[in-house]
Amino acid sequence: MDKRLWEAAQKGDVHHLQSLIKEVPFLLSTVSLAGSNETPLHIACSGVHLEFAKEIIHLRPEFAREVNQDGFSPLHIASANGDIEIVKELLNVDSNLCLVKGKDRRIPPKAEDMS
């Protein structure tokens, strides 16, 4: 993944993300080709960056289904962090995301189980 994109995701900097995409329109498309399986959405969920996660979900909703090298989907990460708002955003993409099996073939906990 492009270092600048990684840094924007790490900081949750939506404005930087938007300027990067203006500069390199296919930047998010290259993430899937890089083969690392870690997407900016995984990073945003780890850092609990709601607005950044929402922007990535809007631009590339398919990232919500990706499992990273550790076997976790963005929903697994957001659930583990107890971030109900990101969980809701992810489930708005596809309510079946809760069935994506990750590490040890586990599925994320239900949002209502988190409160």
PDB file of N, CA and C in Angstrom:
ATOM      1  N   MET A   1       0.855  -1.177   0.000  1.00  0.00           N
ATOM      2  CA  MET A   1       0.000   0.000   0.000  1.00  0.00           C
ATOM      3  C   MET A   1       0.902   1.241   0.000  1.00  0.00           C
ATOM      4  N   ASP A   2       0.471   2.230  -0.735  1.00  0.00           N
ATOM      5  CA  ASP A   2       1.180   3.511  -0.800  1.00  0.00           C
ATOM      6  C   ASP A   2       1.358   4.057   0.620  1.00  0.00           C
ATOM      7  N   LYS A   3       2.572   4.462   0.938  1.00  0.00           N
ATOM      8  CA  LYS A   3       2.886   4.942   2.291  1.00  0.00           C
ATOM      9  C   LYS A   3       2.013   6.133   2.683  1.00  0.00           C
ATOM     10  N   ARG A   4       1.744   7.024   1.724  1.00  0.00           N
ATOM     11  CA  ARG A   4       0.926   8.205   2.025  1.00  0.00           C
ATOM     12  C   ARG A   4      -0.510   7.803   2.355  1.00  0.00           C
ATOM     13  N   LEU A   5      -1.018   6.796   1.664  1.00  0.00           N
ATOM     14  CA  LEU A   5      -2.369   6.299   1.940  1.00  0.00           C
ATOM     15  C   LEU A   5      -2.406   5.645   3.317  1.00  0.00           C
ATOM     16  N   TRP A   6      -1.382   4.874   3.627  1.00  0.00           N
ATOM     17  CA  TRP A   6      -1.291   4.218   4.932  1.00  0.00           C
ATOM     18  C   TRP A   6      -1.277   5.269   6.046  1.00  0.00           C
ATOM     19  N   GLU A   7      -0.487   6.327   5.863  1.00  0.00           N
ATOM     20  CA  GLU A   7      -0.408   7.387   6.867  1.00  0.00           C
ATOM     21  C   GLU A   7      -1.745   8.112   7.029  1.00  0.00           C
ATOM     22  N   ALA A   8      -2.431   8.374   5.920  1.00  0.00           N
ATOM     23  CA  ALA A   8      -3.747   9.027   5.990  1.00  0.00           C
ATOM     24  C   ALA A   8      -4.725   8.156   6.762  1.00  0.00           C
ATOM     25  N   ALA A   9      -4.701   6.856   6.496  1.00  0.00           N
ATOM     26  CA  ALA A   9      -5.593   5.926   7.204  1.00  0.00           C
ATOM     27  C   ALA A   9      -5.233   5.860   8.683  1.00  0.00           C
ATOM     28  N   GLN A  10      -3.946   5.824   8.973  1.00  0.00           N
ATOM     29  CA  GLN A  10      -3.469   5.756  10.362  1.00  0.00           C
ATOM     30  C   GLN A  10      -3.943   6.969  11.170  1.00  0.00           C
ATOM     31  N   LYS A  11      -3.935   8.139  10.524  1.00  0.00           N
ATOM     32  CA  LYS A  11      -4.338   9.378  11.189  1.00  0.00           C
ATOM     33  C   LYS A  11      -5.839   9.639  11.075  1.00  0.00           C
ATOM     34  N   GLY A  12      -6.503   8.922  10.167  1.00  0.00           N
ATOM     35  CA  GLY A  12      -7.924   9.176   9.933  1.00  0.00           C
ATOM     36  C   GLY A  12      -8.148  10.481   9.182  1.00  0.00           C
ATOM     37  N   ASP A  13      -7.204  10.852   8.338  1.00  0.00           N
ATOM     38  CA  ASP A  13      -7.213  12.143   7.644  1.00  0.00           C
ATOM     39  C   ASP A  13      -7.958  12.043   6.307  1.00  0.00           C
ATOM     40  N   VAL A  14      -9.240  12.354   6.329  1.00  0.00           N
ATOM     41  CA  VAL A  14     -10.093  12.263   5.137  1.00  0.00           C
ATOM     42  C   VAL A  14      -9.644  13.247   4.062  1.00  0.00           C
ATOM     43  N   HIS A  15      -9.248  14.447   4.458  1.00  0.00           N
ATOM     44  CA  HIS A  15      -8.816  15.461   3.481  1.00  0.00           C
ATOM     45  C   HIS A  15      -7.567  15.003   2.726  1.00  0.00           C
ATOM     46  N   HIS A  16      -6.646  14.399   3.441  1.00  0.00           N
ATOM     47  CA  HIS A  16      -5.441  13.871   2.796  1.00  0.00           C
ATOM     48  C   HIS A  16      -5.816  12.739   1.836  1.00  0.00           C
ATOM     49  N   LEU A  17      -6.726  11.878   2.254  1.00  0.00           N
ATOM     50  CA  LEU A  17      -7.214  10.805   1.382  1.00  0.00           C
ATOM     51  C   LEU A  17      -7.777  11.380   0.087  1.00  0.00           C
ATOM     52  N   GLN A  18      -8.620  12.381   0.209  1.00  0.00           N
ATOM     53  CA  GLN A  18      -9.241  12.985  -0.969  1.00  0.00           C
ATOM     54  C   GLN A  18      -8.207  13.632  -1.882  1.00  0.00           C
ATOM     55  N   SER A  19      -7.209  14.286  -1.312  1.00  0.00           N
ATOM     56  CA  SER A  19      -6.178  14.906  -2.155  1.00  0.00           C
ATOM     57  C   SER A  19      -5.311  13.838  -2.834  1.00  0.00           C
ATOM     58  N   LEU A  20      -5.053  12.734  -2.147  1.00  0.00           N
ATOM     59  CA  LEU A  20      -4.301  11.640  -2.758  1.00  0.00           C
ATOM     60  C   LEU A  20      -5.066  11.049  -3.945  1.00  0.00           C
ATOM     61  N   ILE A  21      -6.367  10.913  -3.790  1.00  0.00           N
ATOM     62  CA  ILE A  21      -7.177  10.342  -4.863  1.00  0.00           C
ATOM     63  C   ILE A  21      -7.252  11.291  -6.056  1.00  0.00           C
ATOM     64  N   LYS A  22      -7.258  12.591  -5.784  1.00  0.00           N
ATOM     65  CA  LYS A  22      -7.208  13.565  -6.885  1.00  0.00           C
ATOM     66  C   LYS A  22      -5.889  13.448  -7.636  1.00  0.00           C
ATOM     67  N   GLU A  23      -4.825  13.237  -6.891  1.00  0.00           N
ATOM     68  CA  GLU A  23      -3.492  13.122  -7.484  1.00  0.00           C
ATOM     69  C   GLU A  23      -3.330  11.794  -8.239  1.00  0.00           C
ATOM     70  N   VAL A  24      -3.829  10.714  -7.643  1.00  0.00           N
ATOM     71  CA  VAL A  24      -3.710   9.373  -8.223  1.00  0.00           C
ATOM     72  C   VAL A  24      -5.108   8.737  -8.205  1.00  0.00           C
ATOM     73  N   PRO A  25      -5.904   8.977  -9.258  1.00  0.00           N
ATOM     74  CA  PRO A  25      -7.306   8.543  -9.255  1.00  0.00           C
ATOM     75  C   PRO A  25      -7.531   7.044  -8.992  1.00  0.00           C
ATOM     76  N   PHE A  26      -6.584   6.197  -9.364  1.00  0.00           N
ATOM     77  CA  PHE A  26      -6.779   4.756  -9.185  1.00  0.00           C
ATOM     78  C   PHE A  26      -6.042   4.210  -7.966  1.00  0.00           C
ATOM     79  N   LEU A  27      -5.721   5.095  -7.034  1.00  0.00           N
ATOM     80  CA  LEU A  27      -4.946   4.718  -5.852  1.00  0.00           C
ATOM     81  C   LEU A  27      -5.595   3.572  -5.075  1.00  0.00           C
ATOM     82  N   LEU A  28      -6.884   3.653  -4.843  1.00  0.00           N
ATOM     83  CA  LEU A  28      -7.555   2.606  -4.063  1.00  0.00           C
ATOM     84  C   LEU A  28      -7.665   1.302  -4.841  1.00  0.00           C
ATOM     85  N   SER A  29      -7.660   1.378  -6.166  1.00  0.00           N
ATOM     86  CA  SER A  29      -7.684   0.161  -6.982  1.00  0.00           C
ATOM     87  C   SER A  29      -6.379  -0.604  -6.848  1.00  0.00           C
ATOM     88  N   THR A  30      -5.277   0.116  -6.665  1.00  0.00           N
ATOM     89  CA  THR A  30      -3.983  -0.547  -6.563  1.00  0.00           C
ATOM     90  C   THR A  30      -3.813  -1.268  -5.233  1.00  0.00           C
ATOM     91  N   VAL A  31      -4.588  -0.887  -4.234  1.00  0.00           N
ATOM     92  CA  VAL A  31      -4.500  -1.550  -2.923  1.00  0.00           C
ATOM     93  C   VAL A  31      -4.845  -3.024  -3.068  1.00  0.00           C
ATOM     94  N   SER A  32      -5.880  -3.327  -3.815  1.00  0.00           N
ATOM     95  CA  SER A  32      -6.312  -4.707  -4.003  1.00  0.00           C
ATOM     96  C   SER A  32      -5.260  -5.521  -4.748  1.00  0.00           C
ATOM     97  N   LEU A  33      -4.509  -4.869  -5.607  1.00  0.00           N
ATOM     98  CA  LEU A  33      -3.507  -5.568  -6.405  1.00  0.00           C
ATOM     99  C   LEU A  33      -2.205  -5.790  -5.656  1.00  0.00           C
ATOM    100  N   ALA A  34      -2.004  -5.055  -4.566  1.00  0.00           N
ATOM    101  CA  ALA A  34      -0.744  -5.130  -3.831  1.00  0.00           C
ATOM    102  C   ALA A  34      -0.549  -6.477  -3.142  1.00  0.00           C
ATOM    103  N   GLY A  35      -1.638  -7.151  -2.810  1.00  0.00           N
ATOM    104  CA  GLY A  35      -1.547  -8.488  -2.247  1.00  0.00           C
ATOM    105  C   GLY A  35      -1.326  -8.566  -0.753  1.00  0.00           C
ATOM    106  N   SER A  36      -1.267  -7.434  -0.055  1.00  0.00           N
ATOM    107  CA  SER A  36      -1.017  -7.496   1.387  1.00  0.00           C
ATOM    108  C   SER A  36      -2.277  -7.819   2.175  1.00  0.00           C
ATOM    109  N   ASN A  37      -3.438  -7.641   1.574  1.00  0.00           N
ATOM    110  CA  ASN A  37      -4.740  -7.882   2.191  1.00  0.00           C
ATOM    111  C   ASN A  37      -5.110  -6.858   3.251  1.00  0.00           C
ATOM    112  N   GLU A  38      -4.193  -6.000   3.649  1.00  0.00           N
ATOM    113  CA  GLU A  38      -4.507  -4.935   4.604  1.00  0.00           C
ATOM    114  C   GLU A  38      -4.975  -3.736   3.783  1.00  0.00           C
ATOM    115  N   THR A  39      -6.192  -3.319   4.011  1.00  0.00           N
ATOM    116  CA  THR A  39      -6.741  -2.185   3.285  1.00  0.00           C
ATOM    117  C   THR A  39      -6.775  -0.955   4.193  1.00  0.00           C
ATOM    118  N   PRO A  40      -6.985   0.220   3.610  1.00  0.00           N
ATOM    119  CA  PRO A  40      -7.129   1.410   4.445  1.00  0.00           C
ATOM    120  C   PRO A  40      -8.313   1.283   5.410  1.00  0.00           C
ATOM    121  N   LEU A  41      -9.296   0.478   5.046  1.00  0.00           N
ATOM    122  CA  LEU A  41     -10.448   0.274   5.933  1.00  0.00           C
ATOM    123  C   LEU A  41     -10.039  -0.504   7.181  1.00  0.00           C
ATOM    124  N   HIS A  42      -9.184  -1.508   7.046  1.00  0.00           N
ATOM    125  CA  HIS A  42      -8.671  -2.229   8.224  1.00  0.00           C
ATOM    126  C   HIS A  42      -7.958  -1.262   9.162  1.00  0.00           C
ATOM    127  N   ILE A  43      -7.133  -0.404   8.578  1.00  0.00           N
ATOM    128  CA  ILE A  43      -6.350   0.538   9.379  1.00  0.00           C
ATOM    129  C   ILE A  43      -7.271   1.542  10.070  1.00  0.00           C
ATOM    130  N   ALA A  44      -8.263   2.048   9.333  1.00  0.00           N
ATOM    131  CA  ALA A  44      -9.217   3.003   9.920  1.00  0.00           C
ATOM    132  C   ALA A  44      -9.998   2.363  11.060  1.00  0.00           C
ATOM    133  N   CYS A  45     -10.374   1.101  10.896  1.00  0.00           N
ATOM    134  CA  CYS A  45     -11.110   0.402  11.961  1.00  0.00           C
ATOM    135  C   CYS A  45     -10.219   0.181  13.177  1.00  0.00           C
ATOM    136  N   SER A  46      -8.950  -0.111  12.940  1.00  0.00           N
ATOM    137  CA  SER A  46      -8.008  -0.296  14.055  1.00  0.00           C
ATOM    138  C   SER A  46      -7.821   0.995  14.837  1.00  0.00           C
ATOM    139  N   GLY A  47      -7.789   2.107  14.102  1.00  0.00           N
ATOM    140  CA  GLY A  47      -7.575   3.404  14.739  1.00  0.00           C
ATOM    141  C   GLY A  47      -8.847   4.085  15.186  1.00  0.00           C
ATOM    142  N   VAL A  48      -9.984   3.439  14.984  1.00  0.00           N
ATOM    143  CA  VAL A  48     -11.296   3.966  15.355  1.00  0.00           C
ATOM    144  C   VAL A  48     -11.518   5.343  14.708  1.00  0.00           C
ATOM    145  N   HIS A  49     -11.322   5.405  13.401  1.00  0.00           N
ATOM    146  CA  HIS A  49     -11.502   6.639  12.637  1.00  0.00           C
ATOM    147  C   HIS A  49     -12.787   6.534  11.818  1.00  0.00           C
ATOM    148  N   LEU A  50     -13.886   6.919  12.431  1.00  0.00           N
ATOM    149  CA  LEU A  50     -15.210   6.762  11.829  1.00  0.00           C
ATOM    150  C   LEU A  50     -15.335   7.468  10.485  1.00  0.00           C
ATOM    151  N   GLU A  51     -14.979   8.742  10.413  1.00  0.00           N
ATOM    152  CA  GLU A  51     -15.174   9.494   9.167  1.00  0.00           C
ATOM    153  C   GLU A  51     -14.322   8.938   8.031  1.00  0.00           C
ATOM    154  N   PHE A  52     -13.119   8.536   8.346  1.00  0.00           N
ATOM    155  CA  PHE A  52     -12.251   7.941   7.329  1.00  0.00           C
ATOM    156  C   PHE A  52     -12.847   6.616   6.866  1.00  0.00           C
ATOM    157  N   ALA A  53     -13.300   5.808   7.808  1.00  0.00           N
ATOM    158  CA  ALA A  53     -13.919   4.527   7.461  1.00  0.00           C
ATOM    159  C   ALA A  53     -15.139   4.742   6.571  1.00  0.00           C
ATOM    160  N   LYS A  54     -15.960   5.731   6.908  1.00  0.00           N
ATOM    161  CA  LYS A  54     -17.148   6.024   6.093  1.00  0.00           C
ATOM    162  C   LYS A  54     -16.762   6.401   4.668  1.00  0.00           C
ATOM    163  N   GLU A  55     -15.702   7.199   4.535  1.00  0.00           N
ATOM    164  CA  GLU A  55     -15.254   7.616   3.201  1.00  0.00           C
ATOM    165  C   GLU A  55     -14.746   6.423   2.393  1.00  0.00           C
ATOM    166  N   ILE A  56     -13.965   5.568   3.011  1.00  0.00           N
ATOM    167  CA  ILE A  56     -13.460   4.380   2.315  1.00  0.00           C
ATOM    168  C   ILE A  56     -14.620   3.453   1.936  1.00  0.00           C
ATOM    169  N   ILE A  57     -15.562   3.283   2.842  1.00  0.00           N
ATOM    170  CA  ILE A  57     -16.730   2.439   2.554  1.00  0.00           C
ATOM    171  C   ILE A  57     -17.499   3.001   1.363  1.00  0.00           C
ATOM    172  N   HIS A  58     -17.617   4.316   1.310  1.00  0.00           N
ATOM    173  CA  HIS A  58     -18.308   4.966   0.191  1.00  0.00           C
ATOM    174  C   HIS A  58     -17.554   4.732  -1.128  1.00  0.00           C
ATOM    175  N   LEU A  59     -16.228   4.864  -1.085  1.00  0.00           N
ATOM    176  CA  LEU A  59     -15.416   4.753  -2.293  1.00  0.00           C
ATOM    177  C   LEU A  59     -15.187   3.305  -2.737  1.00  0.00           C
ATOM    178  N   ARG A  60     -14.986   2.416  -1.784  1.00  0.00           N
ATOM    179  CA  ARG A  60     -14.682   1.020  -2.106  1.00  0.00           C
ATOM    180  C   ARG A  60     -15.390   0.079  -1.126  1.00  0.00           C
ATOM    181  N   PRO A  61     -16.714  -0.066  -1.263  1.00  0.00           N
ATOM    182  CA  PRO A  61     -17.451  -0.909  -0.318  1.00  0.00           C
ATOM    183  C   PRO A  61     -16.965  -2.360  -0.274  1.00  0.00           C
ATOM    184  N   GLU A  62     -16.326  -2.819  -1.336  1.00  0.00           N
ATOM    185  CA  GLU A  62     -15.829  -4.203  -1.353  1.00  0.00           C
ATOM    186  C   GLU A  62     -14.722  -4.437  -0.327  1.00  0.00           C
ATOM    187  N   PHE A  63     -14.062  -3.371   0.144  1.00  0.00           N
ATOM    188  CA  PHE A  63     -13.047  -3.523   1.186  1.00  0.00           C
ATOM    189  C   PHE A  63     -13.654  -4.079   2.480  1.00  0.00           C
ATOM    190  N   ALA A  64     -14.935  -3.902   2.664  1.00  0.00           N
ATOM    191  CA  ALA A  64     -15.598  -4.380   3.889  1.00  0.00           C
ATOM    192  C   ALA A  64     -15.541  -5.903   4.000  1.00  0.00           C
ATOM    193  N   ARG A  65     -15.371  -6.600   2.880  1.00  0.00           N
ATOM    194  CA  ARG A  65     -15.342  -8.062   2.889  1.00  0.00           C
ATOM    195  C   ARG A  65     -13.932  -8.635   2.979  1.00  0.00           C
ATOM    196  N   GLU A  66     -12.928  -7.793   2.841  1.00  0.00           N
ATOM    197  CA  GLU A  66     -11.539  -8.265   2.828  1.00  0.00           C
ATOM    198  C   GLU A  66     -11.097  -8.736   4.216  1.00  0.00           C
ATOM    199  N   VAL A  67     -10.359  -9.820   4.226  1.00  0.00           N
ATOM    200  CA  VAL A  67      -9.763 -10.335   5.457  1.00  0.00           C
ATOM    201  C   VAL A  67      -8.269 -10.053   5.367  1.00  0.00           C
ATOM    202  N   ASN A  68      -7.702  -9.461   6.416  1.00  0.00           N
ATOM    203  CA  ASN A  68      -6.276  -9.117   6.380  1.00  0.00           C
ATOM    204  C   ASN A  68      -5.400 -10.345   6.619  1.00  0.00           C
ATOM    205  N   GLN A  69      -4.089 -10.128   6.615  1.00  0.00           N
ATOM    206  CA  GLN A  69      -3.136 -11.234   6.766  1.00  0.00           C
ATOM    207  C   GLN A  69      -3.256 -11.929   8.111  1.00  0.00           C
ATOM    208  N   ASP A  70      -3.851 -11.256   9.096  1.00  0.00           N
ATOM    209  CA  ASP A  70      -4.057 -11.868  10.410  1.00  0.00           C
ATOM    210  C   ASP A  70      -5.393 -12.596  10.508  1.00  0.00           C
ATOM    211  N   GLY A  71      -6.181 -12.536   9.433  1.00  0.00           N
ATOM    212  CA  GLY A  71      -7.448 -13.257   9.411  1.00  0.00           C
ATOM    213  C   GLY A  71      -8.627 -12.466   9.951  1.00  0.00           C
ATOM    214  N   PHE A  72      -8.533 -11.127   9.923  1.00  0.00           N
ATOM    215  CA  PHE A  72      -9.616 -10.298  10.445  1.00  0.00           C
ATOM    216  C   PHE A  72     -10.205  -9.404   9.359  1.00  0.00           C
ATOM    217  N   SER A  73     -11.517  -9.328   9.335  1.00  0.00           N
ATOM    218  CA  SER A  73     -12.212  -8.395   8.450  1.00  0.00           C
ATOM    219  C   SER A  73     -12.317  -7.050   9.177  1.00  0.00           C
ATOM    220  N   PRO A  74     -12.647  -5.976   8.469  1.00  0.00           N
ATOM    221  CA  PRO A  74     -12.879  -4.706   9.165  1.00  0.00           C
ATOM    222  C   PRO A  74     -13.937  -4.831  10.266  1.00  0.00           C
ATOM    223  N   LEU A  75     -14.954  -5.660  10.033  1.00  0.00           N
ATOM    224  CA  LEU A  75     -15.995  -5.845  11.046  1.00  0.00           C
ATOM    225  C   LEU A  75     -15.443  -6.533  12.290  1.00  0.00           C
ATOM    226  N   HIS A  76     -14.559  -7.517  12.108  1.00  0.00           N
ATOM    227  CA  HIS A  76     -13.909  -8.151  13.262  1.00  0.00           C
ATOM    228  C   HIS A  76     -13.166  -7.093  14.090  1.00  0.00           C
ATOM    229  N   ILE A  77     -12.434  -6.233  13.402  1.00  0.00           N
ATOM    230  CA  ILE A  77     -11.615  -5.225  14.078  1.00  0.00           C
ATOM    231  C   ILE A  77     -12.493  -4.205  14.800  1.00  0.00           C
ATOM    232  N   ALA A  78     -13.491  -3.685  14.096  1.00  0.00           N
ATOM    233  CA  ALA A  78     -14.381  -2.686  14.703  1.00  0.00           C
ATOM    234  C   ALA A  78     -15.129  -3.293  15.890  1.00  0.00           C
ATOM    235  N   SER A  79     -15.557  -4.537  15.758  1.00  0.00           N
ATOM    236  CA  SER A  79     -16.260  -5.213  16.861  1.00  0.00           C
ATOM    237  C   SER A  79     -15.343  -5.392  18.058  1.00  0.00           C
ATOM    238  N   ALA A  80     -14.116  -5.818  17.800  1.00  0.00           N
ATOM    239  CA  ALA A  80     -13.157  -6.025  18.885  1.00  0.00           C
ATOM    240  C   ALA A  80     -12.865  -4.723  19.620  1.00  0.00           C
ATOM    241  N   ASN A  81     -12.893  -3.608  18.877  1.00  0.00           N
ATOM    242  CA  ASN A  81     -12.656  -2.295  19.491  1.00  0.00           C
ATOM    243  C   ASN A  81     -13.906  -1.734  20.160  1.00  0.00           C
ATOM    244  N   GLY A  82     -15.035  -2.410  19.985  1.00  0.00           N
ATOM    245  CA  GLY A  82     -16.285  -1.917  20.572  1.00  0.00           C
ATOM    246  C   GLY A  82     -16.813  -0.682  19.882  1.00  0.00           C
ATOM    247  N   ASP A  83     -16.410  -0.474  18.620  1.00  0.00           N
ATOM    248  CA  ASP A  83     -16.812   0.718  17.878  1.00  0.00           C
ATOM    249  C   ASP A  83     -18.142   0.477  17.150  1.00  0.00           C
ATOM    250  N   ILE A  84     -19.215   0.715  17.844  1.00  0.00           N
ATOM    251  CA  ILE A  84     -20.555   0.429  17.320  1.00  0.00           C
ATOM    252  C   ILE A  84     -20.868   1.259  16.080  1.00  0.00           C
ATOM    253  N   GLU A  85     -20.383   2.500  16.013  1.00  0.00           N
ATOM    254  CA  GLU A  85     -20.681   3.350  14.854  1.00  0.00           C
ATOM    255  C   GLU A  85     -20.061   2.794  13.575  1.00  0.00           C
ATOM    256  N   ILE A  86     -18.803   2.366  13.640  1.00  0.00           N
ATOM    257  CA  ILE A  86     -18.184   1.762  12.455  1.00  0.00           C
ATOM    258  C   ILE A  86     -18.857   0.436  12.137  1.00  0.00           C
ATOM    259  N   VAL A  87     -19.199  -0.343  13.150  1.00  0.00           N
ATOM    260  CA  VAL A  87     -19.917  -1.600  12.923  1.00  0.00           C
ATOM    261  C   VAL A  87     -21.200  -1.337  12.146  1.00  0.00           C
ATOM    262  N   LYS A  88     -21.961  -0.322  12.560  1.00  0.00           N
ATOM    263  CA  LYS A  88     -23.207   0.009  11.866  1.00  0.00           C
ATOM    264  C   LYS A  88     -22.952   0.400  10.417  1.00  0.00           C
ATOM    265  N   GLU A  89     -21.910   1.198  10.186  1.00  0.00           N
ATOM    266  CA  GLU A  89     -21.570   1.609   8.813  1.00  0.00           C
ATOM    267  C   GLU A  89     -21.226   0.393   7.961  1.00  0.00           C
ATOM    268  N   LEU A  90     -20.457  -0.521   8.514  1.00  0.00           N
ATOM    269  CA  LEU A  90     -20.089  -1.724   7.770  1.00  0.00           C
ATOM    270  C   LEU A  90     -21.305  -2.589   7.469  1.00  0.00           C
ATOM    271  N   LEU A  91     -22.186  -2.732   8.441  1.00  0.00           N
ATOM    272  CA  LEU A  91     -23.378  -3.562   8.224  1.00  0.00           C
ATOM    273  C   LEU A  91     -24.360  -2.911   7.264  1.00  0.00           C
ATOM    274  N   ASN A  92     -24.276  -1.580   7.099  1.00  0.00           N
ATOM    275  CA  ASN A  92     -25.089  -0.908   6.081  1.00  0.00           C
ATOM    276  C   ASN A  92     -24.647  -1.290   4.676  1.00  0.00           C
ATOM    277  N   VAL A  93     -23.380  -1.643   4.522  1.00  0.00           N
ATOM    278  CA  VAL A  93     -22.872  -2.108   3.228  1.00  0.00           C
ATOM    279  C   VAL A  93     -23.515  -3.445   2.891  1.00  0.00           C
ATOM    280  N   ASP A  94     -23.502  -4.344   3.878  1.00  0.00           N
ATOM    281  CA  ASP A  94     -24.035  -5.691   3.669  1.00  0.00           C
ATOM    282  C   ASP A  94     -24.229  -6.326   5.043  1.00  0.00           C
ATOM    283  N   SER A  95     -25.461  -6.612   5.377  1.00  0.00           N
ATOM    284  CA  SER A  95     -25.733  -7.196   6.698  1.00  0.00           C
ATOM    285  C   SER A  95     -25.134  -8.597   6.838  1.00  0.00           C
ATOM    286  N   ASN A  96     -24.769  -9.227   5.733  1.00  0.00           N
ATOM    287  CA  ASN A  96     -24.157 -10.557   5.795  1.00  0.00           C
ATOM    288  C   ASN A  96     -22.667 -10.513   6.126  1.00  0.00           C
ATOM    289  N   LEU A  97     -22.119  -9.306   6.291  1.00  0.00           N
ATOM    290  CA  LEU A  97     -20.710  -9.211   6.685  1.00  0.00           C
ATOM    291  C   LEU A  97     -20.466  -9.897   8.020  1.00  0.00           C
ATOM    292  N   CYS A  98     -21.496  -9.981   8.815  1.00  0.00           N
ATOM    293  CA  CYS A  98     -21.342 -10.630  10.122  1.00  0.00           C
ATOM    294  C   CYS A  98     -21.101 -12.137   9.973  1.00  0.00           C
ATOM    295  N   LEU A  99     -21.234 -12.650   8.757  1.00  0.00           N
ATOM    296  CA  LEU A  99     -20.999 -14.076   8.514  1.00  0.00           C
ATOM    297  C   LEU A  99     -19.624 -14.358   7.931  1.00  0.00           C
ATOM    298  N   VAL A 100     -18.831 -13.302   7.677  1.00  0.00           N
ATOM    299  CA  VAL A 100     -17.486 -13.480   7.129  1.00  0.00           C
ATOM    300  C   VAL A 100     -16.616 -14.131   8.197  1.00  0.00           C
ATOM    301  N   LYS A 101     -16.077 -15.291   7.863  1.00  0.00           N
ATOM    302  CA  LYS A 101     -15.253 -16.020   8.828  1.00  0.00           C
ATOM    303  C   LYS A 101     -13.821 -15.544   8.736  1.00  0.00           C
ATOM    304  N   GLY A 102     -13.271 -15.258   9.877  1.00  0.00           N
ATOM    305  CA  GLY A 102     -11.901 -14.771   9.955  1.00  0.00           C
ATOM    306  C   GLY A 102     -11.016 -15.778  10.651  1.00  0.00           C
ATOM    307  N   LYS A 103     -10.130 -15.262  11.457  1.00  0.00           N
ATOM    308  CA  LYS A 103      -9.170 -16.091  12.178  1.00  0.00           C
ATOM    309  C   LYS A 103      -9.904 -17.151  12.995  1.00  0.00           C
ATOM    310  N   ASP A 104      -9.383 -18.349  12.948  1.00  0.00           N
ATOM    311  CA  ASP A 104      -9.984 -19.484  13.646  1.00  0.00           C
ATOM    312  C   ASP A 104     -11.435 -19.708  13.231  1.00  0.00           C
ATOM    313  N   ARG A 105     -11.775 -19.246  12.019  1.00  0.00           N
ATOM    314  CA  ARG A 105     -13.107 -19.398  11.423  1.00  0.00           C
ATOM    315  C   ARG A 105     -14.202 -18.765  12.278  1.00  0.00           C
ATOM    316  N   ARG A 106     -13.836 -17.736  13.031  1.00  0.00           N
ATOM    317  CA  ARG A 106     -14.783 -17.021  13.883  1.00  0.00           C
ATOM    318  C   ARG A 106     -15.488 -15.943  13.100  1.00  0.00           C
ATOM    319  N   ILE A 107     -16.725 -15.689  13.491  1.00  0.00           N
ATOM    320  CA  ILE A 107     -17.470 -14.568  12.928  1.00  0.00           C
ATOM    321  C   ILE A 107     -17.495 -13.453  13.973  1.00  0.00           C
ATOM    322  N   PRO A 108     -17.644 -12.187  13.536  1.00  0.00           N
ATOM    323  CA  PRO A 108     -17.681 -11.079  14.490  1.00  0.00           C
ATOM    324  C   PRO A 108     -18.912 -11.186  15.403  1.00  0.00           C
ATOM    325  N   PRO A 109     -18.836 -10.616  16.601  1.00  0.00           N
ATOM    326  CA  PRO A 109     -20.018 -10.604  17.473  1.00  0.00           C
ATOM    327  C   PRO A 109     -21.093  -9.689  16.888  1.00  0.00           C
ATOM    328  N   LYS A 110     -22.325  -9.962  17.244  1.00  0.00           N
ATOM    329  CA  LYS A 110     -23.425  -9.097  16.801  1.00  0.00           C
ATOM    330  C   LYS A 110     -23.335  -7.756  17.500  1.00  0.00           C
ATOM    331  N   ALA A 111     -23.739  -6.700  16.794  1.00  0.00           N
ATOM    332  CA  ALA A 111     -23.669  -5.336  17.352  1.00  0.00           C
ATOM    333  C   ALA A 111     -24.452  -5.238  18.649  1.00  0.00           C
ATOM    334  N   GLU A 112     -25.592  -5.885  18.723  1.00  0.00           N
ATOM    335  CA  GLU A 112     -26.398  -5.779  19.950  1.00  0.00           C
ATOM    336  C   GLU A 112     -25.740  -6.491  21.125  1.00  0.00           C
ATOM    337  N   ASP A 113     -24.821  -7.431  20.835  1.00  0.00           N
ATOM    338  CA  ASP A 113     -24.098  -8.111  21.905  1.00  0.00           C
ATOM    339  C   ASP A 113     -22.980  -7.239  22.468  1.00  0.00           C
ATOM    340  N   MET A 114     -22.657  -6.163  21.743  1.00  0.00           N
ATOM    341  CA  MET A 114     -21.552  -5.311  22.154  1.00  0.00           C
ATOM    342  C   MET A 114     -21.961  -4.251  23.161  1.00  0.00           C
ATOM    343  N   SER A 115     -23.236  -3.924  23.245  1.00  0.00           N
ATOM    344  CA  SER A 115     -23.635  -2.827  24.130  1.00  0.00           C
ATOM    345  C   SER A 115     -23.905  -3.274  25.536  1.00  0.00           C
TER     346      SER A 115
END
